[in-house]
Amino acid sequence: MVHTCVWSYLFEFFQQANQTGSSNAMELEGAKRCFLFLQSVGLSVATFVSDLHRGIAKWIRKFQPKTTHFFDIGHFARSVNKK
């Protein structure tokens, strides 16, 4: 059976920006906590979708090499329209 987890800031409510130093760092920490939680209950993350956060993309490449990372098309489209 294949399970799909789409990042939707589900785990960010466990923290506050003052715990990580900034809202940017909070987003990366939320992604890390999401992975840790899912792995602790025996799930592996095959695909992960996030906004255009470069820190999350780098962290997934480095520490979760079996996970395919995609950017959310809505965030991507808005960034292209701004240019």
Protein backbone atom coordinates (compact mmCIF):
# COMPACT_ATOMS: atom_id res chain seq x y z
CA MET A 1 0.00 0.00 0.00
CA VAL A 2 1.33 3.44 -0.93
CA HIS A 3 0.69 6.44 1.30
CA THR A 4 1.16 9.99 0.08
CA CYS A 5 1.92 12.84 2.45
CA VAL A 6 1.52 16.33 1.02
CA TRP A 7 3.15 19.04 3.11
CA SER A 8 0.51 21.50 4.22
CA TYR A 9 2.14 23.01 7.30
CA LEU A 10 0.43 20.35 9.38
CA PHE A 11 3.20 20.11 11.93
CA GLU A 12 4.20 23.77 12.17
CA PHE A 13 1.63 24.41 14.88
CA PHE A 14 3.89 22.56 17.33
CA GLN A 15 6.36 25.43 17.37
CA GLN A 16 6.65 29.19 17.39
CA ALA A 17 9.05 31.42 15.50
CA ASN A 18 10.82 32.34 18.75
CA GLN A 19 11.81 28.67 19.18
CA THR A 20 13.75 28.69 15.91
CA GLY A 21 14.75 32.33 15.47
CA SER A 22 12.65 33.23 12.42
CA SER A 23 9.62 32.18 10.44
CA ASN A 24 11.94 30.97 7.67
CA ALA A 25 13.77 28.65 10.09
CA MET A 26 10.41 27.58 11.52
CA GLU A 27 9.32 26.25 8.14
CA LEU A 28 12.43 24.08 7.81
CA GLU A 29 12.09 22.85 11.38
CA GLY A 30 8.44 21.99 10.68
CA ALA A 31 9.47 19.88 7.69
CA LYS A 32 12.10 18.08 9.77
CA ARG A 33 9.57 17.36 12.51
CA CYS A 34 7.09 16.09 9.93
CA PHE A 35 9.64 13.60 8.59
CA LEU A 36 10.68 12.54 12.09
CA PHE A 37 7.08 11.95 13.15
CA LEU A 38 6.13 9.97 10.04
CA GLN A 39 9.28 7.86 10.27
CA SER A 40 8.68 7.23 13.99
CA VAL A 41 5.31 5.63 13.19
CA GLY A 42 6.86 3.46 10.48
CA LEU A 43 6.00 5.45 7.37
CA SER A 44 8.50 6.37 4.71
CA VAL A 45 8.06 9.54 2.68
CA ALA A 46 8.34 8.81 -1.04
CA THR A 47 7.20 12.25 -2.25
CA PHE A 48 7.24 15.59 -0.46
CA VAL A 49 5.60 18.77 -1.77
CA SER A 50 6.46 22.18 -0.31
CA ASP A 51 6.51 25.83 -1.23
CA LEU A 52 9.64 27.36 -2.76
CA HIS A 53 11.70 27.07 0.44
CA ARG A 54 15.26 26.38 -0.70
CA GLY A 55 16.36 25.21 2.77
CA ILE A 56 13.79 22.41 2.74
CA ALA A 57 14.86 21.37 -0.77
CA LYS A 58 18.52 21.23 0.28
CA TRP A 59 17.75 19.34 3.51
CA ILE A 60 15.69 16.72 1.64
CA ARG A 61 18.47 16.24 -0.96
CA LYS A 62 21.07 15.80 1.75
CA PHE A 63 19.27 13.88 4.50
CA GLN A 64 16.31 12.20 2.75
CA PRO A 65 17.83 10.96 -0.54
CA LYS A 66 15.06 8.42 -1.15
CA THR A 67 12.42 11.15 -1.09
CA THR A 68 11.41 12.98 -4.26
CA HIS A 69 10.78 16.67 -3.59
CA PHE A 70 8.44 18.83 -5.65
CA PHE A 71 7.52 22.48 -5.37
CA ASP A 72 3.85 23.37 -5.02
CA ILE A 73 2.68 24.56 -8.44
CA GLY A 74 0.68 27.43 -6.92
CA HIS A 75 3.74 28.89 -5.23
CA PHE A 76 5.82 28.29 -8.35
CA ALA A 77 3.30 30.02 -10.63
CA ARG A 78 3.14 33.08 -8.36
CA SER A 79 6.93 33.38 -8.34
CA VAL A 80 7.04 33.25 -12.17
CA ASN A 81 4.29 35.90 -12.44
CA LYS A 82 6.28 38.26 -10.20
CA LYS A 83 9.19 38.24 -12.67
